[in-house]
Amino acid sequence: MAQESPKNSAAEIPVTSNGEVEDSHEHAYHRDLKHSLPSGLGLSETQITSHGFDGTKEGVIEAGASQGPSAPPLPSVLSPSRVAASQLAQQGGDLTVPAGGQRTHTKGGPVILADEIKNPAMEKLELVRKWSLNTYKCTRQIISEKLGRGSRTVDLELEAQIDILRDNKKKYENILKLAQTLATQLFQMVHTQKQLGDAFADLSLKSLELHEEFGYNADTQKLLAKNGETLLGAINFFIASVNTLVNKTIEDTLMTVKQYENARIEYDAYRTDLEELNLGPRDANTLPKIEHSQHLFQIHKEKYDKMRSDVSVKLKFLEENKVKVLRNQLVLFHSAVAAYFAGNQKQLELTLKQFHVKLKTPGVDAPSWLEEQ
């Protein structure tokens, strides 16, 4: 149909020698182009031909009806007309291709490709997969080490310090337990001395013949009970300080040691995987696996080095703090016990003031804010 129909003279566009469109025919071109193209005609049905670039030649746009399946496609040649090219570019820019591949008409603009929507369930599934794989590797490494088949990374100096810390923790816990037993027994003794002093004082008032003897014993027991309460306050202060050192400071350091040991197991597990892959063949299938294993190994190596540095720093500060705390507490314990059994009440009270120990009378609540006022 397009070859048999004559060219429409209204669709011809005169051009100059340099290929520019004359201004007087530009408006007529826009009007006649709409009438010359039938409704429903796509870009694939439009033929653009050029008869030359000479000053006397013209650029012509022909529009024909859709050919049947047996008709050969018509050749497409770019016209020198810039107006026709801009019209075609505008029509092409109105097509947006979504992710599904279906063509839809939208306003002019850049081509937009829809991104894939992240699925939270898939992300959780991926996290579970990574955790399961990491747990499997670490469990295999632990079993291999216990069976003597796998190798483990050892820092001899750091391991020795950790073993000493754990051994000292057990010894300090034993001292803490014995000190608590002593405090319990001393409390019972002080309570018994108070009751005995009250009994002597009561008999001193009722027995005129033994008034002085009962009175001496009552005063002695009351003095011993008072000194015992002072000693009990010093022992309780010693117990509280040692308990803080053992169950908080040392325990916090051991938690960091536990994290360091877990990082060491992960490091050895991924190191073993990398060594096994390096011993195998190198081809197009194994090279990506080796690179991925090398990447994971480097991540766990950095984590292991960081945890080892953290443990070294904490052990250093713990040793300094431990020496300072225990030195003060041991001096307090020795001075209080010596003054108590020497019967030196003034020295015992002075020792408690020196270490800022405040006594709390058993069974007596702290004064309210009205009483303090």
Protein backbone atom coordinates (compact mmCIF):
# COMPACT_ATOMS: atom_id res chain seq x y z
CA MET A 1 0.00 0.00 0.00
CA ALA A 2 2.82 2.41 0.87
CA GLN A 3 4.60 1.72 -2.45
CA GLU A 4 1.47 2.15 -4.64
CA SER A 5 0.12 5.34 -2.99
CA PRO A 6 1.56 8.61 -4.30
CA LYS A 7 3.50 10.88 -1.99
CA ASN A 8 1.47 13.47 -0.19
CA SER A 9 2.70 16.90 -1.11
CA ALA A 10 1.50 18.31 2.22
CA ALA A 11 3.94 16.08 4.09
CA GLU A 12 6.98 17.34 2.23
CA ILE A 13 9.36 19.56 4.21
CA PRO A 14 11.73 21.84 2.27
CA VAL A 15 15.21 21.99 3.73
CA THR A 16 18.19 24.24 3.06
CA SER A 17 21.65 23.20 1.96
CA ASN A 18 22.80 22.58 5.52
CA GLY A 19 19.77 20.43 6.37
CA GLU A 20 17.76 23.02 8.39
CA VAL A 21 13.96 23.36 8.06
CA GLU A 22 12.51 26.56 6.75
CA ASP A 23 10.54 28.40 9.45
CA SER A 24 7.56 29.14 7.23
CA HIS A 25 6.74 25.44 6.73
CA GLU A 26 7.29 24.22 10.31
CA HIS A 27 3.72 24.84 11.50
CA ALA A 28 2.23 23.21 8.42
CA TYR A 29 4.39 20.14 8.97
CA HIS A 30 2.98 19.54 12.48
CA ARG A 31 -0.58 19.86 11.23
CA ASP A 32 -0.23 17.68 8.16
CA LEU A 33 1.76 14.98 9.96
CA LYS A 34 -1.23 14.22 12.25
CA HIS A 35 -3.58 13.86 9.26
CA SER A 36 -1.15 11.76 7.23
CA LEU A 37 -0.64 9.16 10.00
CA PRO A 38 -3.68 6.91 10.51
CA SER A 39 -4.99 6.20 14.01
CA GLY A 40 -3.32 3.32 15.80
CA LEU A 41 -0.18 3.54 13.63
CA GLY A 42 2.93 2.75 15.70
CA LEU A 43 6.51 3.68 15.21
CA SER A 44 7.20 0.38 13.46
CA GLU A 45 4.77 1.36 10.67
CA THR A 46 6.40 4.71 9.86
CA GLN A 47 8.99 4.91 7.09
CA ILE A 48 11.49 7.78 6.96
CA THR A 49 13.30 8.27 3.63
CA SER A 50 15.74 10.81 2.34
CA HIS A 51 16.36 11.65 -1.32
CA GLY A 52 19.62 13.49 -0.72
CA PHE A 53 21.28 16.25 1.19
CA ASP A 54 21.58 18.73 -1.64
CA GLY A 55 20.05 22.17 -1.36
CA THR A 56 17.40 21.34 -3.99
CA LYS A 57 16.43 17.99 -2.47
CA GLU A 58 13.73 17.51 0.14
CA GLY A 59 13.31 15.29 3.23
CA VAL A 60 10.02 13.31 3.03
CA ILE A 61 8.19 11.28 5.71
CA GLU A 62 5.91 8.59 4.35
CA ALA A 63 3.25 6.79 6.39
CA GLY A 64 1.64 3.67 5.02
CA ALA A 65 -0.84 1.08 6.21
CA SER A 66 0.27 -2.02 8.11
CA GLN A 67 1.62 -4.74 5.84
CA GLY A 68 0.57 -8.35 6.11
CA PRO A 69 2.80 -11.11 7.43
CA SER A 70 4.16 -11.88 3.93
CA ALA A 71 5.10 -8.26 3.16
CA PRO A 72 8.81 -7.48 3.62
CA PRO A 73 9.75 -4.77 6.14
CA LEU A 74 10.48 -1.37 4.69
CA PRO A 75 13.94 0.12 5.20
CA SER A 76 14.33 3.00 7.63
CA VAL A 77 16.62 5.88 6.72
CA LEU A 78 17.14 8.92 8.92
CA SER A 79 15.90 12.21 7.52
CA PRO A 80 18.10 15.30 7.73
CA SER A 81 15.19 17.17 9.28
CA ARG A 82 15.87 17.91 12.97
CA VAL A 83 12.17 18.62 13.59
CA ALA A 84 11.16 15.14 12.46
CA ALA A 85 13.88 13.59 14.62
CA SER A 86 12.70 15.52 17.66
CA GLN A 87 9.09 14.38 17.08
CA LEU A 88 10.15 10.75 16.91
CA ALA A 89 12.35 11.08 19.99
CA GLN A 90 9.41 12.58 21.91
CA GLN A 91 7.17 9.68 20.95
CA GLY A 92 9.86 7.19 22.00
CA GLY A 93 10.39 8.98 25.30
CA ASP A 94 6.73 8.49 26.23
CA LEU A 95 7.27 4.74 26.62
CA THR A 96 8.31 3.35 30.02
CA VAL A 97 9.35 -0.27 30.36
CA PRO A 98 8.60 -1.69 33.85
CA ALA A 99 10.32 -4.66 35.41
CA GLY A 100 7.76 -7.13 33.97
CA GLY A 101 8.52 -6.08 30.40
CA GLN A 102 4.97 -4.74 29.60
CA ARG A 103 4.95 -1.46 27.69
CA THR A 104 2.83 1.35 29.17
CA HIS A 105 2.28 4.98 28.16
CA THR A 106 3.49 7.58 30.66
CA LYS A 107 4.60 11.16 30.57
CA GLY A 108 7.88 12.07 28.90
CA GLY A 109 10.98 11.43 30.97
CA PRO A 110 13.82 8.97 31.59
CA VAL A 111 13.28 5.23 31.54
CA ILE A 112 12.51 3.89 35.04
CA LEU A 113 13.28 0.34 36.13
CA ALA A 114 11.45 -0.84 39.24
CA ASP A 115 13.71 -2.23 42.01
CA GLU A 116 12.99 -5.52 43.64
CA ILE A 117 11.14 -5.18 46.96
CA LYS A 118 13.09 -6.65 49.88
CA ASN A 119 11.25 -9.39 51.70
CA PRO A 120 11.78 -9.41 55.52
CA ALA A 121 11.08 -13.14 55.66
CA MET A 122 13.84 -13.82 53.14
CA GLU A 123 16.27 -11.65 55.11
CA LYS A 124 15.50 -13.56 58.32
CA LEU A 125 15.90 -16.84 56.46
CA GLU A 126 19.29 -15.70 55.19
CA LEU A 127 20.39 -14.76 58.73
CA VAL A 128 19.32 -18.18 60.01
CA ARG A 129 21.23 -19.85 57.19
CA LYS A 130 24.43 -17.91 57.99
CA TRP A 131 24.07 -18.63 61.72
CA SER A 132 23.55 -22.35 61.08
CA LEU A 133 26.57 -22.52 58.80
CA ASN A 134 28.76 -20.68 61.31
CA THR A 135 27.55 -22.92 64.18
CA TYR A 136 28.28 -26.03 62.15
CA LYS A 137 31.82 -24.89 61.34
CA CYS A 138 32.57 -23.96 64.98
CA THR A 139 31.13 -27.24 66.31
CA ARG A 140 33.22 -29.22 63.84
CA GLN A 141 36.32 -27.27 64.90
CA ILE A 142 35.69 -27.94 68.62
CA ILE A 143 35.17 -31.66 68.04
CA SER A 144 38.30 -31.85 65.90
CA GLU A 145 40.36 -30.16 68.63
CA LYS A 146 39.06 -32.49 71.34
CA LEU A 147 39.75 -35.55 69.19
CA GLY A 148 43.25 -34.29 68.45
CA ARG A 149 42.69 -34.01 64.70
CA GLY A 150 42.39 -30.25 64.29
CA SER A 151 44.94 -27.51 64.95
CA ARG A 152 44.28 -24.50 67.15
CA THR A 153 45.85 -21.07 67.41
CA VAL A 154 47.59 -20.52 70.77
CA ASP A 155 49.00 -17.34 72.29
CA LEU A 156 51.23 -18.80 74.99
CA GLU A 157 51.69 -15.61 77.00
CA LEU A 158 48.02 -14.67 76.94
CA GLU A 159 46.86 -18.21 77.70
CA ALA A 160 49.18 -18.33 80.74
CA GLN A 161 47.71 -15.07 82.09
CA ILE A 162 44.18 -16.37 81.60
CA ASP A 163 44.98 -19.61 83.46
CA ILE A 164 46.48 -17.63 86.37
CA LEU A 165 43.38 -15.41 86.50
CA ARG A 166 41.04 -18.39 86.67
CA ASP A 167 43.13 -20.04 89.35
CA ASN A 168 43.24 -16.83 91.41
CA LYS A 169 39.48 -16.45 91.06
CA LYS A 170 38.95 -19.87 92.64
CA LYS A 171 41.27 -18.98 95.52
CA TYR A 172 39.60 -15.63 96.10
CA GLU A 173 36.20 -17.33 96.12
CA ASN A 174 37.49 -19.68 98.81
CA ILE A 175 38.73 -16.73 100.92
CA LEU A 176 35.37 -15.03 100.42
CA LYS A 177 33.52 -18.13 101.58
CA LEU A 178 35.68 -18.50 104.71
CA ALA A 179 35.32 -14.80 105.56
CA GLN A 180 31.55 -15.10 105.30
CA THR A 181 31.65 -18.11 107.62
CA LEU A 182 33.76 -16.14 110.11
CA ALA A 183 31.34 -13.20 109.95
CA THR A 184 28.39 -15.51 110.61
CA GLN A 185 30.06 -17.14 113.59
CA LEU A 186 31.24 -13.80 114.97
CA PHE A 187 27.71 -12.44 114.69
CA GLN A 188 26.38 -15.40 116.65
CA MET A 189 29.11 -14.94 119.27
CA VAL A 190 28.33 -11.23 119.62
CA HIS A 191 24.64 -12.02 119.98
CA THR A 192 25.43 -14.61 122.67
CA GLN A 193 27.70 -12.15 124.53
CA LYS A 194 24.93 -9.60 124.56
CA GLN A 195 22.49 -12.08 126.03
CA LEU A 196 25.07 -13.21 128.59
CA GLY A 197 25.78 -9.61 129.59
CA ASP A 198 22.07 -8.91 130.06
CA ALA A 199 21.73 -12.03 132.24
CA PHE A 200 24.71 -10.98 134.41
CA ALA A 201 23.28 -7.49 134.77
CA ASP A 202 19.89 -8.88 135.86
CA LEU A 203 21.50 -11.15 138.45
CA SER A 204 23.63 -8.28 139.69
CA LEU A 205 20.48 -6.38 140.63
CA LYS A 206 18.78 -9.35 142.26
CA SER A 207 21.75 -10.89 144.12
CA LEU A 208 23.04 -8.45 146.72
CA GLU A 209 25.84 -10.76 147.87
CA LEU A 210 27.22 -11.15 144.28
CA HIS A 211 26.31 -7.70 143.03
CA GLU A 212 29.88 -6.65 142.16
CA GLU A 213 30.92 -9.98 140.61
CA PHE A 214 27.89 -10.15 138.37
CA GLY A 215 28.38 -6.51 137.51
CA TYR A 216 32.02 -7.03 136.42
CA ASN A 217 31.07 -9.91 134.15
CA ALA A 218 28.15 -7.99 132.70
CA ASP A 219 30.39 -5.04 131.81
CA THR A 220 33.01 -7.36 130.28
CA GLN A 221 30.53 -9.17 128.07
CA LYS A 222 28.97 -5.92 126.92
CA LEU A 223 32.42 -4.54 126.05
CA LEU A 224 33.30 -7.69 124.14
CA ALA A 225 30.00 -7.50 122.28
CA LYS A 226 30.66 -3.88 121.36
CA ASN A 227 34.17 -4.64 120.11
CA GLY A 228 32.79 -7.68 118.27
CA GLU A 229 30.31 -5.48 116.43
CA THR A 230 33.16 -3.19 115.42
CA LEU A 231 35.21 -6.14 114.16
CA LEU A 232 32.13 -7.50 112.41
CA GLY A 233 31.76 -4.21 110.55
CA ALA A 234 35.37 -4.41 109.36
CA ILE A 235 34.94 -8.03 108.22
CA ASN A 236 31.73 -7.22 106.36
CA PHE A 237 33.49 -4.35 104.60
CA PHE A 238 36.29 -6.75 103.63
CA ILE A 239 33.74 -9.27 102.32
CA ALA A 240 31.90 -6.65 100.25
CA SER A 241 35.10 -5.40 98.61
CA VAL A 242 36.39 -8.89 97.79
CA ASN A 243 32.96 -9.90 96.50
CA THR A 244 32.95 -6.92 94.13
CA LEU A 245 36.42 -7.81 92.91
CA VAL A 246 35.62 -11.50 92.35
CA ASN A 247 32.04 -11.47 91.09
CA LYS A 248 32.06 -8.22 89.11
CA THR A 249 35.52 -7.08 88.08
CA ILE A 250 37.11 -10.49 87.49
CA GLU A 251 33.87 -11.90 86.10
CA ASP A 252 33.65 -9.07 83.57
CA THR A 253 37.18 -9.82 82.42
CA LEU A 254 36.37 -13.52 82.11
CA MET A 255 33.35 -12.66 79.95
CA THR A 256 35.72 -10.86 77.58
CA VAL A 257 37.99 -13.92 77.69
CA LYS A 258 35.00 -16.07 76.72
CA GLN A 259 34.31 -13.84 73.72
CA TYR A 260 37.99 -14.05 72.80
CA GLU A 261 37.86 -17.86 72.90
CA ASN A 262 34.76 -17.91 70.70
CA ALA A 263 36.47 -15.60 68.22
CA ARG A 264 39.51 -17.90 68.24
CA ILE A 265 37.34 -20.95 67.45
CA GLU A 266 35.66 -19.12 64.55
CA TYR A 267 39.03 -17.97 63.26
CA ASP A 268 40.45 -21.50 63.34
CA ALA A 269 37.29 -22.93 61.73
CA TYR A 270 37.44 -20.58 58.72
CA ARG A 271 41.22 -20.95 58.54
CA THR A 272 40.80 -24.73 58.25
CA ASP A 273 38.21 -24.30 55.48
CA LEU A 274 40.54 -22.01 53.54
CA GLU A 275 43.45 -24.43 53.89
CA GLU A 276 41.31 -27.31 52.61
CA LEU A 277 40.20 -25.29 49.57
CA ASN A 278 43.78 -24.24 48.79
CA LEU A 279 44.88 -27.88 48.81
CA GLY A 280 42.22 -28.77 46.22
CA PRO A 281 42.19 -28.06 42.47
CA ARG A 282 41.91 -24.53 41.13
CA ASP A 283 39.40 -24.08 38.32
CA ALA A 284 36.49 -21.85 37.34
CA ASN A 285 34.22 -23.50 39.94
CA THR A 286 36.60 -23.45 42.92
CA LEU A 287 38.16 -19.99 42.47
CA PRO A 288 34.99 -18.10 43.54
CA LYS A 289 34.71 -20.37 46.58
CA ILE A 290 38.34 -19.73 47.50
CA GLU A 291 37.89 -15.96 47.17
CA HIS A 292 34.73 -16.06 49.33
CA SER A 293 36.48 -18.23 51.93
CA GLN A 294 39.45 -15.85 51.93
CA HIS A 295 37.10 -12.92 52.55
CA LEU A 296 35.40 -14.67 55.50
CA PHE A 297 38.77 -15.72 56.90
CA GLN A 298 40.01 -12.13 56.82
CA ILE A 299 36.88 -10.89 58.65
CA HIS A 300 37.26 -13.45 61.47
CA LYS A 301 41.01 -12.83 61.67
CA GLU A 302 40.41 -9.12 62.31
CA LYS A 303 37.79 -10.00 64.94
CA TYR A 304 40.21 -12.42 66.63
CA ASP A 305 43.02 -9.85 66.70
CA LYS A 306 40.69 -7.22 68.17
CA MET A 307 39.44 -9.54 70.93
CA ARG A 308 42.99 -10.61 71.77
CA SER A 309 43.99 -6.96 72.15
CA ASP A 310 40.93 -6.26 74.35
CA VAL A 311 41.74 -9.19 76.63
CA SER A 312 45.36 -8.07 77.04
CA VAL A 313 44.28 -4.55 78.01
CA LYS A 314 41.66 -5.80 80.48
CA LEU A 315 44.08 -8.20 82.12
CA LYS A 316 46.55 -5.38 82.62
CA PHE A 317 44.03 -3.05 84.24
CA LEU A 318 42.58 -5.88 86.31
CA GLU A 319 45.98 -6.69 87.77
CA GLU A 320 46.54 -3.06 88.78
CA ASN A 321 43.08 -2.74 90.32
CA LYS A 322 43.35 -6.09 92.11
CA VAL A 323 46.64 -5.18 93.80
CA LYS A 324 45.29 -1.82 94.94
CA VAL A 325 42.01 -3.19 96.34
CA LEU A 326 43.46 -6.25 98.06
CA ARG A 327 46.31 -4.30 99.65
CA ASN A 328 43.88 -1.94 101.40
CA GLN A 329 41.50 -4.71 102.41
CA LEU A 330 44.23 -6.96 103.82
CA VAL A 331 45.66 -4.11 105.90
CA LEU A 332 42.17 -3.35 107.23
CA PHE A 333 41.51 -7.00 108.09
CA HIS A 334 44.82 -7.45 109.89
CA SER A 335 44.59 -4.21 111.90
CA ALA A 336 40.99 -4.85 112.98
CA VAL A 337 41.59 -8.45 114.09
CA ALA A 338 44.81 -7.53 115.94
CA ALA A 339 43.15 -4.64 117.79
CA TYR A 340 40.14 -6.76 118.71
CA PHE A 341 42.06 -9.62 120.27
CA ALA A 342 44.43 -7.17 121.96
CA GLY A 343 41.45 -5.53 123.61
CA ASN A 344 42.46 -2.16 122.21
CA GLN A 345 39.13 -0.56 121.62
CA LYS A 346 40.54 2.83 120.60
CA GLN A 347 42.86 1.28 118.00
CA LEU A 348 39.98 -0.76 116.60
CA GLU A 349 37.79 2.31 116.19
CA LEU A 350 40.69 4.26 114.71
CA THR A 351 41.24 1.53 112.13
CA LEU A 352 37.65 1.74 110.96
CA LYS A 353 37.85 5.51 110.67
CA GLN A 354 41.07 5.23 108.70
CA PHE A 355 39.38 3.06 106.06
CA HIS A 356 36.08 4.98 106.18
CA VAL A 357 34.05 2.04 107.45
CA LYS A 358 30.63 2.96 108.79
CA LEU A 359 29.10 0.62 111.33
CA LYS A 360 25.48 -0.40 111.06
CA THR A 361 23.80 -1.52 114.23
CA PRO A 362 21.98 -4.83 113.68
CA GLY A 363 18.21 -4.52 113.86
CA VAL A 364 18.27 -0.71 113.71
CA ASP A 365 16.93 0.99 110.61
CA ALA A 366 18.49 4.10 109.17
CA PRO A 367 17.05 7.39 110.52
CA SER A 368 14.36 9.04 108.47
CA TRP A 369 14.85 12.44 106.88
CA LEU A 370 12.73 14.04 109.63
CA GLU A 371 15.07 12.66 112.30
CA GLU A 372 18.11 13.86 110.38
CA GLN A 373 16.63 17.36 110.25
